[in-house]
Protein backbone atom coordinates (compact mmCIF):
# COMPACT_ATOMS: atom_id res chain seq x y z
CA MET A 1 -10.77 34.98 -50.46
CA HIS A 2 -12.28 32.94 -47.48
CA ILE A 3 -12.52 33.88 -43.95
CA ILE A 4 -13.03 31.04 -41.57
CA LYS A 5 -14.22 31.43 -37.96
CA ASN A 6 -12.72 29.48 -35.02
CA LYS A 7 -15.22 27.18 -32.99
CA PHE A 8 -15.11 23.79 -32.04
CA LEU A 9 -17.61 20.79 -32.90
CA LYS A 10 -18.71 18.54 -30.48
CA GLU A 11 -19.80 15.22 -31.86
CA ASN A 12 -21.27 12.19 -29.71
CA GLY A 13 -19.94 13.88 -26.20
CA ASN A 14 -16.68 14.16 -28.16
CA LEU A 15 -14.38 16.87 -28.81
CA ASN A 16 -12.71 16.36 -32.93
CA LEU A 17 -9.26 17.33 -32.73
CA LEU A 18 -9.96 19.41 -35.84
CA ASN A 19 -11.91 22.23 -35.22
CA SER A 20 -14.56 23.64 -37.56
CA ARG A 21 -12.31 26.13 -38.90
CA THR A 22 -9.92 23.54 -39.73
CA LYS A 23 -12.41 21.39 -41.68
CA ASP A 24 -13.46 24.70 -43.09
CA VAL A 25 -10.29 25.36 -44.60
CA PHE A 26 -9.35 22.11 -45.84
CA VAL A 27 -13.00 21.70 -47.62
CA CYS A 28 -12.02 24.87 -49.12
CA GLU A 29 -8.82 23.49 -50.24
CA ILE A 30 -10.24 20.35 -51.81
CA LYS A 31 -12.99 22.51 -53.57
CA LYS A 32 -10.13 24.90 -54.97
CA GLN A 33 -7.75 21.85 -56.08
CA CYS A 34 -10.94 20.15 -57.96
CA GLU A 35 -11.49 23.71 -59.78
CA PHE A 36 -7.52 23.56 -60.51
CA ALA A 37 -8.00 20.05 -61.98
CA PHE A 38 -11.14 21.11 -64.00
CA ILE A 39 -9.21 23.91 -65.52
CA ALA A 40 -6.15 21.96 -66.22
CA TYR A 41 -8.55 19.23 -68.14
CA ASP A 42 -10.57 22.36 -69.89
CA GLU A 43 -7.26 23.81 -71.14
CA PHE A 44 -6.04 20.39 -72.36
CA GLN A 45 -9.44 19.77 -74.10
CA LYS A 46 -9.07 22.93 -75.95
CA ILE A 47 -5.61 22.45 -76.79
CA LEU A 48 -7.12 18.97 -78.42
CA LYS A 49 -9.99 20.24 -80.02
CA ASN A 50 -8.14 23.18 -81.94
CA HIS A 51 -5.36 20.56 -82.91
CA ASN A 52 -8.04 18.62 -84.72
CA LEU A 53 -9.16 21.59 -86.46
CA SER A 54 -6.50 22.89 -87.57
CA LYS A 55 -4.23 20.96 -90.13
CA ASN A 56 -0.82 20.70 -87.99
CA LYS A 57 0.36 16.99 -87.73
CA GLU A 58 1.45 17.35 -84.06
CA PRO A 59 -0.35 18.80 -81.41
CA PRO A 60 1.80 21.45 -78.87
CA PHE A 61 3.32 19.07 -76.75
CA LEU A 62 4.45 21.49 -74.42
CA GLU A 63 1.51 23.26 -73.92
CA CYS A 64 -0.30 19.41 -73.72
CA TRP A 65 2.15 18.15 -70.79
CA PHE A 66 1.65 21.06 -68.68
CA TYR A 67 -1.76 20.47 -68.38
CA LEU A 68 -1.46 16.84 -67.74
CA GLN A 69 0.98 17.46 -65.17
CA ALA A 70 -1.05 20.44 -63.46
CA PHE A 71 -4.17 18.26 -63.56
CA LEU A 72 -2.06 15.09 -61.81
CA ILE A 73 -0.75 17.73 -59.29
CA ALA A 74 -4.10 19.18 -58.49
CA ASP A 75 -5.39 15.30 -58.01
CA ALA A 76 -2.32 14.46 -55.88
CA ASN A 77 -2.94 17.97 -53.56
CA ILE A 78 -6.47 16.31 -53.01
CA SER A 79 -4.98 12.82 -52.16
CA LYS A 80 -2.63 14.90 -49.54
CA ILE A 81 -5.25 16.09 -47.62
CA PHE A 82 -7.29 12.76 -47.40
CA ALA A 83 -4.09 10.70 -46.60
CA PRO A 84 -1.31 12.57 -45.24
CA ASN A 85 2.45 11.74 -45.02
CA PRO A 86 2.63 8.40 -42.95
CA ASN A 87 5.69 9.47 -41.77
CA LYS A 88 4.08 12.31 -40.16
CA PRO A 89 1.33 10.48 -37.56
CA GLN A 90 0.54 14.11 -36.51
CA TYR A 91 -1.84 14.94 -39.50
CA ALA A 92 -3.66 11.42 -39.63
CA GLN A 93 -6.25 12.49 -37.48
CA ARG A 94 -7.31 15.24 -39.93
CA GLY A 95 -7.37 13.13 -43.07
CA LYS A 96 -9.41 10.32 -40.84
CA GLU A 97 -11.91 12.79 -39.61
CA LEU A 98 -12.25 14.59 -43.34
CA LEU A 99 -12.58 11.12 -44.65
CA GLU A 100 -15.62 10.76 -42.16
CA LEU A 101 -16.85 13.95 -43.29
CA ILE A 102 -16.24 13.20 -47.08
CA PRO A 103 -16.59 9.67 -47.61
CA LEU A 104 -15.56 9.94 -51.25
CA GLY A 105 -12.22 11.15 -50.03
CA HIS A 106 -11.38 7.49 -49.97
CA GLU A 107 -10.70 7.42 -53.79
CA PHE A 108 -8.01 9.58 -53.05
CA ASN A 109 -5.77 7.27 -51.03
CA SER A 110 -2.02 7.64 -50.98
CA GLY A 111 -1.74 5.79 -54.23
CA SER A 112 -3.51 8.20 -56.34
CA ARG A 113 -0.58 10.41 -56.01
CA GLN A 114 1.64 8.05 -57.14
CA LEU A 115 2.17 8.98 -60.71
CA ARG A 116 2.33 12.65 -59.89
CA ASN A 117 5.32 11.60 -57.83
CA LYS A 118 6.81 9.82 -60.97
CA PHE A 119 6.46 13.08 -62.68
CA GLU A 120 7.79 14.88 -59.81
CA HIS A 121 10.95 13.17 -59.40
CA PHE A 122 11.46 12.61 -62.84
CA ASP A 123 15.20 13.19 -62.62
CA GLU A 124 15.83 10.43 -60.77
CA TYR A 125 13.75 8.11 -63.08
CA ALA A 126 15.81 9.30 -65.64
CA GLU A 127 19.04 8.97 -64.45
CA ASP A 128 18.35 5.41 -63.19
CA MET A 129 16.94 4.48 -66.88
CA LEU A 130 20.21 6.34 -68.18
CA GLN A 131 22.66 4.05 -66.48
CA ASP A 132 21.57 1.14 -69.05
CA SER A 133 22.55 2.34 -72.12
CA ARG A 134 20.50 -0.46 -73.95
CA ILE A 135 17.65 0.55 -72.81
CA PRO A 136 16.25 3.36 -75.08
CA PHE A 137 15.12 6.62 -73.48
CA ILE A 138 11.57 7.36 -74.42
CA ASP A 139 9.72 10.24 -73.12
CA SER A 140 6.97 12.65 -73.76
CA ASN A 141 5.19 10.89 -76.31
CA TRP A 142 1.89 10.93 -78.04
CA GLY A 143 -0.11 8.28 -79.55
CA ASP A 144 -0.15 4.27 -79.44
CA LYS A 145 2.82 2.91 -77.34
CA ASP A 146 2.95 -0.29 -79.17
CA GLY A 147 3.51 1.42 -82.33
CA PHE A 148 7.02 3.27 -81.15
CA LEU A 149 10.08 1.76 -81.43
CA ASN A 150 8.86 -1.95 -81.12
CA THR A 151 10.07 -2.06 -77.28
CA ASP A 152 8.62 -2.66 -74.04
CA SER A 153 5.99 -0.27 -73.15
CA SER A 154 6.81 -0.21 -69.54
CA MET A 155 9.97 1.54 -70.84
CA TYR A 156 8.08 4.87 -71.33
CA MET A 157 8.92 7.70 -69.16
CA ARG A 158 5.98 10.30 -69.78
CA HIS A 159 3.28 8.77 -72.46
CA PHE A 160 -0.04 10.04 -73.31
CA ASN A 161 -2.46 7.66 -75.84
CA PRO A 162 -5.27 10.41 -77.10
CA ALA A 163 -7.23 7.27 -78.23
CA THR A 164 -7.14 5.56 -74.83
CA ARG A 165 -6.70 9.05 -72.79
CA GLU A 166 -4.34 7.24 -70.83
CA ILE A 167 -1.65 8.75 -69.35
CA THR A 168 1.39 6.61 -68.34
CA PHE A 169 5.01 7.19 -66.58
CA LEU A 170 6.69 3.81 -67.01
CA ASN A 171 4.71 0.97 -65.87
CA GLN A 172 1.66 3.17 -64.19
CA SER A 173 -1.17 4.71 -66.01
CA PHE A 174 -4.60 5.68 -65.70
CA LYS A 175 -7.65 7.34 -67.90
CA PHE A 176 -7.76 10.88 -67.35
CA GLU A 177 -11.29 10.61 -67.79
CA ASP A 178 -11.99 8.48 -64.90
CA ARG A 179 -9.83 10.34 -62.42
CA LEU A 180 -11.57 13.61 -63.83
CA ASN A 181 -15.25 11.89 -62.95
CA VAL A 182 -13.92 10.94 -59.67
CA ILE A 183 -12.83 14.53 -58.80
CA LYS A 184 -16.63 15.72 -60.28
CA LYS A 185 -18.19 13.47 -58.06
CA LEU A 186 -15.91 15.07 -55.03
CA TYR A 187 -16.58 18.48 -56.04
CA GLU A 188 -20.28 17.72 -56.06
CA GLN A 189 -19.83 16.36 -52.14
CA VAL A 190 -17.80 19.59 -51.04
CA LYS A 191 -19.84 21.67 -52.59
CA LYS A 192 -22.97 20.73 -50.30
CA ILE A 193 -20.84 21.25 -46.93
CA SER A 194 -18.84 24.55 -48.05
């Protein structure tokens, strides 16, 4: 539990729109979301390690996708703090001031949550894809995309390549560890000011 006191910061003779209590709350939330991402990554790693040690031919896909999605959600939640919804301008100043306080927050622009948004709106993407019966419905795959059905790799809904550590939804992807490393750096910055 965090108890945050309400006091105002004055910088350069100007009163910030965000008071220190608000900043403290968001800094604590950023730290918490980083920790959620670490938990999701660590649990995902345990599944992979146990799978590699067992004689099973396939990893437990349900658990793998659960932790991959949990990681994406934590990453996107950080992004929303630094880059609030542009349709809600009343929150823009918060994002701006937090970016001044935590410069690495620029790595969490709204683009970093696009992949999570695709996972979140799976129903819409699936329905659009299913409208064309010529398009194969390929989802929740694991492995090298080029090895599946000899089809255009942009047709994959959700895909994870354990060799490259890349998470993909349709034509957008990122490498798991690259994103994790950005979150680790952010966490170190946040720990210094929390």
